[in-house]
Each structure stands twice: as C-alpha cells, then as structure tokens.
C-alpha cells in the first residue's frame, strides 16, 4: 500500500463512545421518572449477610483503625491532580496528565470494576 492510501483511510477524529442505556437513564431522570419511587431517600435494607464475612471483618477492622482501601486513597489523589491540571499549560500540563493516567491505571487495577475511570486526554 502506498502512503497516500493510508492517509485517506485514517480517521480525522476518534469516534465518540455512545452509551444508549445511559442516555435512556439520563432522559428518565430529567423527565422526573425517578422522583416518586417507593423508598426514595431511605436507607437500603441490605440485611446482615449482604457482604462476604471475611471482607466484612476486613472492612470493619480498616474502618475502626481509620484506614482507607488503597483504591480510595488513589481516587482522592486523582481528583486533586485533575483539579490542578486545569490551571496548567504546555509541558507541565502534559507531565501532570501523564502522572494522573499512571494513577488511574493503578486505581483501575485495585478498585471494583463498576468504579473504574477513563484516562485523561488533552
């Protein structure tokens, strides 16, 4: 293949991810379909056995000793660094984004799958 052919086939913009289920939920929220659900605003009644017993003891011990799981600490660091990025420009901004993305990668390995985060892009 020649170089001209490759250039023509390259995308000028990366396609945006479409989340149709998420869009349906956001529209329902906007339309107020979740405003009058039974139990809204009340604590969940999970019962005493909703968690794995060994994890339950681990989390109780951590809570009693004021220790956060590593992924929660990383999430806090990431949030702080993201706030700092908005005030930066040039090479300093690129270095900070690289640092944040390394922390996001570590966070994604440690946290529950439903809480994973996307990398920061410029």
Foldseek 3Di string as FASTA:
>chain_A
DDPVVVVVPDDPDDDDDDDVVVVVVVVCVVVVVPVDDPPPPHDDCCDDPNDDVVVVVVVVVCVVVVHDFPLVVLVVVLVVLVVVLVPDDDPVSVVSLVVSQVSLVVSCVRDPVVPRDDRDDD
